Amino acid sequence: MSTERFDRVIQRADRVMRQLDERDGAVREAARRERQRLNSDLARRVLRVGVAIGVVSLITIIVGLIQPIGMFGFLAAVGIAIGIAALLGFMPSGKGNATAPAADLPNGAMVQRFDSYLYRQRGALPAPARAEIDAISRVLPSLKQTLERIDDLNPDAQDARRLMSVHLPGLIDRYINVPAEFRSHKDGEDVTVDERLVEGLHAGRDALAEVAERLARSDVAAFETQGRFIQSRYGEDGQQLLRPGDSQDRDMIES
C-alpha cells in the first residue's frame, strides 16, 4: 500500500472515529449547553443594540422638538445609531475563546464558563483525555445547581472553584503548550505527557465528584432533619398546630 493511500485510510478512520465520538451522550449534552450559552449571549447583544437605537432615537426626537435638526442632523443621528449598534454587536465578549474561568466569577457563572472551556479544549486532547473530560462534564450540571445555592466562601465551593479556575485549566493549557512530538516522551517516573494528562484529569474528576457528593449529603441531612422535626411536631404523637408563642419552633422551620 502506497504512503498516500495509507494516509487517506488513516484520515478516513480518524473522521469516522470522530463522528462516533461526537454521538456520545456527554459530548452531545455539552454541545447543547454550549449552544444555549451562545444563543443567550446573542440575545443579550440584540437587546443591547435595540436599547441603544431606542435611546438615540428618543434623544433625536427630543432635540428635534426643541430645535429642528434638519436632514443633516437626522443622517448624523442615523450614523450614530448604526455605529453604536455595530460596536455593541461585534464587540468581542470573550465567551468564544477557550479561556479558563476568572477567579472572581460567582459560583454558577464559573461552572458555566468551565463547562464551555472544557468543550472548546476537548478536541485538542487525546482520546483517553477526552473520556475524562466527558466524565467531568457529566458532573457539572448537578454541581452548578448545588453551587448556585451556597456562598462562594463555602469551603467545598472554594475547593471546586480552585479546581475549575486554576488547577484543571492549568493542566490542560500546559499540555497544549507541549509540542506534539514530545508528548510521547517518558519522564523520570516512566510516564508520558499524555499519560500524565489523563492521570491529572482523572484526579480532578474524582475531586469534583467528591465535592458534589459532600454537598449532596449535606442537603440530604438537612432534608432529613426537617422531615423528622415536622413528623415529631405535627405527627400523630405531636401537636397539630404551631402556637403563636412558639417562636423557637418557627425559627427552626424557617431555617
C-alpha atoms as a PDB file:
ATOM      1  CA  MET A   1       0.000   0.000   0.000  1.00  0.00           C
ATOM      2  CA  SER A   2       1.438   3.386  -1.037  1.00  0.00           C
ATOM      3  CA  THR A   3       2.103   6.078   1.514  1.00  0.00           C
ATOM      4  CA  GLU A   4      -0.578   8.380   0.085  1.00  0.00           C
ATOM      5  CA  ARG A   5      -3.183   5.629   0.151  1.00  0.00           C
ATOM      6  CA  PHE A   6      -2.214   4.725   3.702  1.00  0.00           C
ATOM      7  CA  ASP A   7      -2.584   8.371   4.770  1.00  0.00           C
ATOM      8  CA  ARG A   8      -6.037   8.512   3.187  1.00  0.00           C
ATOM      9  CA  VAL A   9      -7.094   5.397   5.084  1.00  0.00           C
ATOM     10  CA  ILE A  10      -5.864   6.862   8.360  1.00  0.00           C
ATOM     11  CA  GLN A  11      -7.652  10.152   7.704  1.00  0.00           C
ATOM     12  CA  ARG A  12     -10.876   8.314   6.872  1.00  0.00           C
ATOM     13  CA  ALA A  13     -10.598   6.248  10.052  1.00  0.00           C
ATOM     14  CA  ASP A  14      -9.997   9.384  12.118  1.00  0.00           C
ATOM     15  CA  ARG A  15     -13.044  11.023  10.566  1.00  0.00           C
ATOM     16  CA  VAL A  16     -15.255   8.030  11.318  1.00  0.00           C
ATOM     17  CA  MET A  17     -13.995   7.770  14.895  1.00  0.00           C
ATOM     18  CA  ARG A  18     -14.555  11.494  15.393  1.00  0.00           C
ATOM     19  CA  GLN A  19     -18.144  11.187  14.187  1.00  0.00           C
ATOM     20  CA  LEU A  20     -18.773   8.257  16.510  1.00  0.00           C
ATOM     21  CA  ASP A  21     -17.164  10.159  19.349  1.00  0.00           C
ATOM     22  CA  GLU A  22     -19.432  13.170  18.800  1.00  0.00           C
ATOM     23  CA  ARG A  23     -22.506  10.940  19.175  1.00  0.00           C
ATOM     24  CA  ASP A  24     -21.652  10.132  22.762  1.00  0.00           C
ATOM     25  CA  GLY A  25     -24.234  11.376  25.237  1.00  0.00           C
ATOM     26  CA  ALA A  26     -21.840  13.504  27.312  1.00  0.00           C
ATOM     27  CA  VAL A  27     -20.460  15.232  24.215  1.00  0.00           C
ATOM     28  CA  ARG A  28     -23.943  15.835  22.855  1.00  0.00           C
ATOM     29  CA  GLU A  29     -25.123  17.357  26.142  1.00  0.00           C
ATOM     30  CA  ALA A  30     -22.006  19.537  26.372  1.00  0.00           C
ATOM     31  CA  ALA A  31     -22.628  20.773  22.815  1.00  0.00           C
ATOM     32  CA  ARG A  32     -26.259  21.520  23.682  1.00  0.00           C
ATOM     33  CA  ARG A  33     -25.229  23.567  26.731  1.00  0.00           C
ATOM     34  CA  GLU A  34     -22.668  25.453  24.633  1.00  0.00           C
ATOM     35  CA  ARG A  35     -25.334  26.315  22.047  1.00  0.00           C
ATOM     36  CA  GLN A  36     -27.584  27.584  24.817  1.00  0.00           C
ATOM     37  CA  ARG A  37     -24.794  29.824  26.118  1.00  0.00           C
ATOM     38  CA  LEU A  38     -24.108  31.189  22.628  1.00  0.00           C
ATOM     39  CA  ASN A  39     -27.802  31.824  21.988  1.00  0.00           C
ATOM     40  CA  SER A  40     -28.128  33.590  25.328  1.00  0.00           C
ATOM     41  CA  ASP A  41     -25.144  35.805  24.514  1.00  0.00           C
ATOM     42  CA  LEU A  42     -26.649  36.606  21.089  1.00  0.00           C
ATOM     43  CA  ALA A  43     -29.982  37.534  22.683  1.00  0.00           C
ATOM     44  CA  ARG A  44     -28.221  39.896  25.106  1.00  0.00           C
ATOM     45  CA  ARG A  45     -26.370  41.538  22.225  1.00  0.00           C
ATOM     46  CA  VAL A  46     -29.587  42.061  20.272  1.00  0.00           C
ATOM     47  CA  LEU A  47     -31.227  43.556  23.365  1.00  0.00           C
ATOM     48  CA  ARG A  48     -28.328  45.964  23.923  1.00  0.00           C
ATOM     49  CA  VAL A  49     -28.427  47.048  20.280  1.00  0.00           C
ATOM     50  CA  GLY A  50     -32.184  47.621  20.469  1.00  0.00           C
ATOM     51  CA  VAL A  51     -31.885  49.680  23.649  1.00  0.00           C
ATOM     52  CA  ALA A  52     -29.057  51.775  22.177  1.00  0.00           C
ATOM     53  CA  ILE A  53     -31.009  52.513  18.987  1.00  0.00           C
ATOM     54  CA  GLY A  54     -34.074  53.373  21.057  1.00  0.00           C
ATOM     55  CA  VAL A  55     -32.086  55.794  23.231  1.00  0.00           C
ATOM     56  CA  VAL A  56     -30.558  57.512  20.190  1.00  0.00           C
ATOM     57  CA  SER A  57     -33.989  57.771  18.557  1.00  0.00           C
ATOM     58  CA  LEU A  58     -35.529  59.229  21.710  1.00  0.00           C
ATOM     59  CA  ILE A  59     -32.762  61.820  22.061  1.00  0.00           C
ATOM     60  CA  THR A  60     -33.145  62.741  18.393  1.00  0.00           C
ATOM     61  CA  ILE A  61     -36.906  63.239  18.808  1.00  0.00           C
ATOM     62  CA  ILE A  62     -36.466  65.385  21.934  1.00  0.00           C
ATOM     63  CA  VAL A  63     -33.804  67.556  20.272  1.00  0.00           C
ATOM     64  CA  GLY A  64     -35.986  67.844  17.172  1.00  0.00           C
ATOM     65  CA  LEU A  65     -38.897  69.091  19.245  1.00  0.00           C
ATOM     66  CA  ILE A  66     -36.723  71.767  20.850  1.00  0.00           C
ATOM     67  CA  GLN A  67     -34.800  72.793  17.736  1.00  0.00           C
ATOM     68  CA  PRO A  68     -35.183  71.481  14.152  1.00  0.00           C
ATOM     69  CA  ILE A  69     -32.195  69.328  13.245  1.00  0.00           C
ATOM     70  CA  GLY A  70     -32.770  69.146   9.516  1.00  0.00           C
ATOM     71  CA  MET A  71     -31.703  66.400   7.134  1.00  0.00           C
ATOM     72  CA  PHE A  72     -28.044  66.500   8.149  1.00  0.00           C
ATOM     73  CA  GLY A  73     -28.945  66.173  11.821  1.00  0.00           C
ATOM     74  CA  PHE A  74     -31.190  63.234  11.029  1.00  0.00           C
ATOM     75  CA  LEU A  75     -28.453  61.497   8.997  1.00  0.00           C
ATOM     76  CA  ALA A  76     -25.986  62.157  11.823  1.00  0.00           C
ATOM     77  CA  ALA A  77     -28.361  60.507  14.310  1.00  0.00           C
ATOM     78  CA  VAL A  78     -28.771  57.509  11.988  1.00  0.00           C
ATOM     79  CA  GLY A  79     -24.992  57.239  11.658  1.00  0.00           C
ATOM     80  CA  ILE A  80     -24.526  57.359  15.425  1.00  0.00           C
ATOM     81  CA  ALA A  81     -27.165  54.661  15.904  1.00  0.00           C
ATOM     82  CA  ILE A  82     -25.523  52.434  13.286  1.00  0.00           C
ATOM     83  CA  GLY A  83     -22.096  52.970  14.864  1.00  0.00           C
ATOM     84  CA  ILE A  84     -23.319  52.096  18.348  1.00  0.00           C
ATOM     85  CA  ALA A  85     -25.165  49.039  17.021  1.00  0.00           C
ATOM     86  CA  ALA A  86     -22.035  47.827  15.224  1.00  0.00           C
ATOM     87  CA  LEU A  87     -19.890  48.413  18.300  1.00  0.00           C
ATOM     88  CA  LEU A  88     -22.247  46.514  20.599  1.00  0.00           C
ATOM     89  CA  GLY A  89     -22.983  43.781  18.085  1.00  0.00           C
ATOM     90  CA  PHE A  90     -19.417  42.913  17.132  1.00  0.00           C
ATOM     91  CA  MET A  91     -17.568  43.698  20.332  1.00  0.00           C
ATOM     92  CA  PRO A  92     -15.777  40.517  21.488  1.00  0.00           C
ATOM     93  CA  SER A  93     -17.405  39.038  24.562  1.00  0.00           C
ATOM     94  CA  GLY A  94     -14.605  36.631  25.422  1.00  0.00           C
ATOM     95  CA  LYS A  95     -17.025  33.716  25.532  1.00  0.00           C
ATOM     96  CA  GLY A  96     -15.907  32.402  22.159  1.00  0.00           C
ATOM     97  CA  ASN A  97     -12.360  31.834  23.383  1.00  0.00           C
ATOM     98  CA  ALA A  98     -11.156  28.759  25.208  1.00  0.00           C
ATOM     99  CA  THR A  99     -10.013  30.636  28.295  1.00  0.00           C
ATOM    100  CA  ALA A 100     -10.119  29.471  31.888  1.00  0.00           C
ATOM    101  CA  PRO A 101     -12.825  30.929  34.153  1.00  0.00           C
ATOM    102  CA  ALA A 102     -11.893  34.102  36.015  1.00  0.00           C
ATOM    103  CA  ALA A 103     -11.302  33.534  39.713  1.00  0.00           C
ATOM    104  CA  ASP A 104     -13.799  36.233  40.749  1.00  0.00           C
ATOM    105  CA  LEU A 105     -16.852  34.805  38.958  1.00  0.00           C
ATOM    106  CA  PRO A 106     -19.870  33.735  41.032  1.00  0.00           C
ATOM    107  CA  ASN A 107     -20.277  30.002  41.566  1.00  0.00           C
ATOM    108  CA  GLY A 108     -22.889  29.394  38.878  1.00  0.00           C
ATOM    109  CA  ALA A 109     -21.137  31.527  36.249  1.00  0.00           C
ATOM    110  CA  MET A 110     -17.833  29.818  36.991  1.00  0.00           C
ATOM    111  CA  VAL A 111     -19.300  26.351  36.369  1.00  0.00           C
ATOM    112  CA  GLN A 112     -20.783  27.566  33.070  1.00  0.00           C
ATOM    113  CA  ARG A 113     -17.512  29.114  31.930  1.00  0.00           C
ATOM    114  CA  PHE A 114     -15.579  25.990  32.951  1.00  0.00           C
ATOM    115  CA  ASP A 115     -18.065  23.812  31.055  1.00  0.00           C
ATOM    116  CA  SER A 116     -17.539  25.954  27.945  1.00  0.00           C
ATOM    117  CA  TYR A 117     -13.764  25.825  28.410  1.00  0.00           C
ATOM    118  CA  LEU A 118     -13.758  22.022  28.544  1.00  0.00           C
ATOM    119  CA  TYR A 119     -15.979  21.739  25.481  1.00  0.00           C
ATOM    120  CA  ARG A 120     -13.729  24.023  23.432  1.00  0.00           C
ATOM    121  CA  GLN A 121     -10.461  22.395  24.520  1.00  0.00           C
ATOM    122  CA  ARG A 122     -11.711  18.820  24.193  1.00  0.00           C
ATOM    123  CA  GLY A 123     -10.800  18.434  20.525  1.00  0.00           C
ATOM    124  CA  ALA A 124      -7.136  19.271  21.188  1.00  0.00           C
ATOM    125  CA  LEU A 125      -6.719  16.376  23.642  1.00  0.00           C
ATOM    126  CA  PRO A 126      -6.005  12.673  23.040  1.00  0.00           C
ATOM    127  CA  ALA A 127      -8.859  10.149  23.185  1.00  0.00           C
ATOM    128  CA  PRO A 128      -8.220   8.918  26.770  1.00  0.00           C
ATOM    129  CA  ALA A 129      -8.176  12.521  27.995  1.00  0.00           C
ATOM    130  CA  ARG A 130     -11.408  13.269  26.123  1.00  0.00           C
ATOM    131  CA  ALA A 131     -13.043  10.419  28.016  1.00  0.00           C
ATOM    132  CA  GLU A 132     -12.038  12.059  31.294  1.00  0.00           C
ATOM    133  CA  ILE A 133     -13.311  15.435  30.046  1.00  0.00           C
ATOM    134  CA  ASP A 134     -16.670  13.817  29.237  1.00  0.00           C
ATOM    135  CA  ALA A 135     -16.830  12.312  32.726  1.00  0.00           C
ATOM    136  CA  ILE A 136     -16.187  15.743  34.250  1.00  0.00           C
ATOM    137  CA  SER A 137     -18.864  17.289  32.013  1.00  0.00           C
ATOM    138  CA  ARG A 138     -21.446  14.847  33.359  1.00  0.00           C
ATOM    139  CA  VAL A 139     -20.869  16.142  36.897  1.00  0.00           C
ATOM    140  CA  LEU A 140     -21.122  19.842  36.083  1.00  0.00           C
ATOM    141  CA  PRO A 141     -24.911  20.349  35.663  1.00  0.00           C
ATOM    142  CA  SER A 142     -25.748  18.985  39.114  1.00  0.00           C
ATOM    143  CA  LEU A 143     -22.701  20.702  40.623  1.00  0.00           C
ATOM    144  CA  LYS A 144     -23.841  24.032  39.171  1.00  0.00           C
ATOM    145  CA  GLN A 145     -27.322  23.576  40.637  1.00  0.00           C
ATOM    146  CA  THR A 146     -25.825  22.982  44.073  1.00  0.00           C
ATOM    147  CA  LEU A 147     -23.124  25.658  43.994  1.00  0.00           C
ATOM    148  CA  GLU A 148     -25.592  28.356  42.942  1.00  0.00           C
ATOM    149  CA  ARG A 149     -27.356  27.962  46.293  1.00  0.00           C
ATOM    150  CA  ILE A 150     -24.305  28.288  48.531  1.00  0.00           C
ATOM    151  CA  ASP A 151     -21.904  31.097  49.315  1.00  0.00           C
ATOM    152  CA  ASP A 152     -18.706  31.491  47.305  1.00  0.00           C
ATOM    153  CA  LEU A 153     -16.703  31.283  50.553  1.00  0.00           C
ATOM    154  CA  ASN A 154     -18.099  27.871  51.495  1.00  0.00           C
ATOM    155  CA  PRO A 155     -15.081  25.529  51.935  1.00  0.00           C
ATOM    156  CA  ASP A 156     -16.480  22.961  49.494  1.00  0.00           C
ATOM    157  CA  ALA A 157     -17.262  25.702  46.998  1.00  0.00           C
ATOM    158  CA  GLN A 158     -13.719  27.011  47.371  1.00  0.00           C
ATOM    159  CA  ASP A 159     -12.311  23.560  46.571  1.00  0.00           C
ATOM    160  CA  ALA A 160     -14.464  23.307  43.460  1.00  0.00           C
ATOM    161  CA  ARG A 161     -13.616  26.865  42.385  1.00  0.00           C
ATOM    162  CA  ARG A 162      -9.862  26.236  42.613  1.00  0.00           C
ATOM    163  CA  LEU A 163     -10.199  23.087  40.521  1.00  0.00           C
ATOM    164  CA  MET A 164     -12.267  24.825  37.836  1.00  0.00           C
ATOM    165  CA  SER A 165     -10.374  28.124  37.610  1.00  0.00           C
ATOM    166  CA  VAL A 166      -6.762  27.160  38.385  1.00  0.00           C
ATOM    167  CA  HIS A 167      -5.757  23.511  38.620  1.00  0.00           C
ATOM    168  CA  LEU A 168      -7.576  21.756  35.752  1.00  0.00           C
ATOM    169  CA  PRO A 169      -7.289  24.626  33.232  1.00  0.00           C
ATOM    170  CA  GLY A 170      -3.617  24.972  34.142  1.00  0.00           C
ATOM    171  CA  LEU A 171      -3.069  21.275  33.468  1.00  0.00           C
ATOM    172  CA  ILE A 172      -4.823  21.416  30.085  1.00  0.00           C
ATOM    173  CA  ASP A 173      -3.188  24.660  28.956  1.00  0.00           C
ATOM    174  CA  ARG A 174       0.277  23.391  29.835  1.00  0.00           C
ATOM    175  CA  TYR A 175      -0.385  20.164  27.955  1.00  0.00           C
ATOM    176  CA  ILE A 176      -1.447  22.049  24.819  1.00  0.00           C
ATOM    177  CA  ASN A 177       1.776  24.091  25.007  1.00  0.00           C
ATOM    178  CA  VAL A 178       3.870  20.905  24.786  1.00  0.00           C
ATOM    179  CA  PRO A 179       4.902  20.202  21.166  1.00  0.00           C
ATOM    180  CA  ALA A 180       3.196  17.085  19.795  1.00  0.00           C
ATOM    181  CA  GLU A 181       6.466  15.240  19.170  1.00  0.00           C
ATOM    182  CA  PHE A 182       7.376  15.468  22.861  1.00  0.00           C
ATOM    183  CA  ARG A 183       4.086  14.185  24.280  1.00  0.00           C
ATOM    184  CA  SER A 184       5.095  10.542  23.970  1.00  0.00           C
ATOM    185  CA  HIS A 185       8.409  11.013  25.776  1.00  0.00           C
ATOM    186  CA  LYS A 186       8.605   9.428  29.215  1.00  0.00           C
ATOM    187  CA  ASP A 187       9.772  11.353  32.256  1.00  0.00           C
ATOM    188  CA  GLY A 188      11.815  10.163  35.206  1.00  0.00           C
ATOM    189  CA  GLU A 189       8.825   8.196  36.516  1.00  0.00           C
ATOM    190  CA  ASP A 190       8.360   6.400  33.172  1.00  0.00           C
ATOM    191  CA  VAL A 191       5.165   8.366  32.438  1.00  0.00           C
ATOM    192  CA  THR A 192       4.448  10.138  29.155  1.00  0.00           C
ATOM    193  CA  VAL A 193       2.946  13.609  28.854  1.00  0.00           C
ATOM    194  CA  ASP A 194      -0.290  12.086  27.546  1.00  0.00           C
ATOM    195  CA  GLU A 195      -0.471   9.671  30.460  1.00  0.00           C
ATOM    196  CA  ARG A 196       0.255  12.454  32.946  1.00  0.00           C
ATOM    197  CA  LEU A 197      -2.591  14.480  31.463  1.00  0.00           C
ATOM    198  CA  VAL A 198      -5.052  11.593  31.847  1.00  0.00           C
ATOM    199  CA  GLU A 199      -3.932  10.964  35.427  1.00  0.00           C
ATOM    200  CA  GLY A 200      -4.356  14.634  36.325  1.00  0.00           C
ATOM    201  CA  LEU A 201      -7.802  14.858  34.734  1.00  0.00           C
ATOM    202  CA  HIS A 202      -8.873  11.669  36.493  1.00  0.00           C
ATOM    203  CA  ALA A 203      -7.733  13.048  39.860  1.00  0.00           C
ATOM    204  CA  GLY A 204      -9.565  16.316  39.172  1.00  0.00           C
ATOM    205  CA  ARG A 205     -12.708  14.438  38.210  1.00  0.00           C
ATOM    206  CA  ASP A 206     -12.611  12.448  41.440  1.00  0.00           C
ATOM    207  CA  ALA A 207     -12.099  15.641  43.454  1.00  0.00           C
ATOM    208  CA  LEU A 208     -15.074  17.391  41.821  1.00  0.00           C
ATOM    209  CA  ALA A 209     -17.240  14.310  42.294  1.00  0.00           C
ATOM    210  CA  GLU A 210     -16.229  14.201  45.957  1.00  0.00           C
ATOM    211  CA  VAL A 211     -17.186  17.863  46.433  1.00  0.00           C
ATOM    212  CA  ALA A 212     -20.532  17.265  44.729  1.00  0.00           C
ATOM    213  CA  GLU A 213     -21.154  14.226  46.950  1.00  0.00           C
ATOM    214  CA  ARG A 214     -20.353  16.139  50.147  1.00  0.00           C
ATOM    215  CA  LEU A 215     -22.717  18.938  49.174  1.00  0.00           C
ATOM    216  CA  ALA A 216     -25.452  16.457  48.250  1.00  0.00           C
ATOM    217  CA  ARG A 217     -25.065  14.640  51.579  1.00  0.00           C
ATOM    218  CA  SER A 218     -25.380  17.973  53.378  1.00  0.00           C
ATOM    219  CA  ASP A 219     -28.635  18.662  51.520  1.00  0.00           C
ATOM    220  CA  VAL A 220     -29.930  15.184  52.336  1.00  0.00           C
ATOM    221  CA  ALA A 221     -29.066  15.620  56.009  1.00  0.00           C
ATOM    222  CA  ALA A 222     -30.868  18.990  56.119  1.00  0.00           C
ATOM    223  CA  PHE A 223     -33.907  17.447  54.446  1.00  0.00           C
ATOM    224  CA  GLU A 224     -33.986  14.527  56.892  1.00  0.00           C
ATOM    225  CA  THR A 225     -33.698  16.888  59.856  1.00  0.00           C
ATOM    226  CA  GLN A 226     -36.592  18.988  58.583  1.00  0.00           C
ATOM    227  CA  GLY A 227     -38.673  15.877  57.919  1.00  0.00           C
ATOM    228  CA  ARG A 228     -38.062  14.468  61.398  1.00  0.00           C
ATOM    229  CA  PHE A 229     -38.955  17.792  63.007  1.00  0.00           C
ATOM    230  CA  ILE A 230     -42.248  18.066  61.089  1.00  0.00           C
ATOM    231  CA  GLN A 231     -43.086  14.453  61.919  1.00  0.00           C
ATOM    232  CA  SER A 232     -42.419  14.967  65.620  1.00  0.00           C
ATOM    233  CA  ARG A 233     -44.185  18.328  65.704  1.00  0.00           C
ATOM    234  CA  TYR A 234     -47.271  17.537  63.621  1.00  0.00           C
ATOM    235  CA  GLY A 235     -47.406  13.743  63.576  1.00  0.00           C
ATOM    236  CA  GLU A 236     -49.834  11.537  65.475  1.00  0.00           C
ATOM    237  CA  ASP A 237     -47.902  11.875  68.725  1.00  0.00           C
ATOM    238  CA  GLY A 238     -47.091  15.567  68.271  1.00  0.00           C
ATOM    239  CA  GLN A 239     -49.051  18.771  68.471  1.00  0.00           C
ATOM    240  CA  GLN A 240     -51.110  19.595  65.395  1.00  0.00           C
ATOM    241  CA  LEU A 241     -50.830  23.386  65.334  1.00  0.00           C
ATOM    242  CA  LEU A 242     -47.980  25.798  65.856  1.00  0.00           C
ATOM    243  CA  ARG A 243     -48.934  28.191  68.630  1.00  0.00           C
ATOM    244  CA  PRO A 244     -48.211  31.899  68.113  1.00  0.00           C
ATOM    245  CA  GLY A 245     -45.765  31.914  71.026  1.00  0.00           C
ATOM    246  CA  ASP A 246     -43.619  29.077  69.653  1.00  0.00           C
ATOM    247  CA  SER A 247     -41.065  31.397  68.053  1.00  0.00           C
ATOM    248  CA  GLN A 248     -38.252  28.911  68.589  1.00  0.00           C
ATOM    249  CA  ASP A 249     -40.092  26.233  66.637  1.00  0.00           C
ATOM    250  CA  ARG A 250     -40.962  28.720  63.913  1.00  0.00           C
ATOM    251  CA  ASP A 251     -37.316  29.749  63.579  1.00  0.00           C
ATOM    252  CA  MET A 252     -36.332  26.097  63.293  1.00  0.00           C
ATOM    253  CA  ILE A 253     -38.848  25.542  60.495  1.00  0.00           C
ATOM    254  CA  GLU A 254     -37.740  28.612  58.569  1.00  0.00           C
ATOM    255  CA  SER A 255     -34.081  27.680  58.899  1.00  0.00           C
END
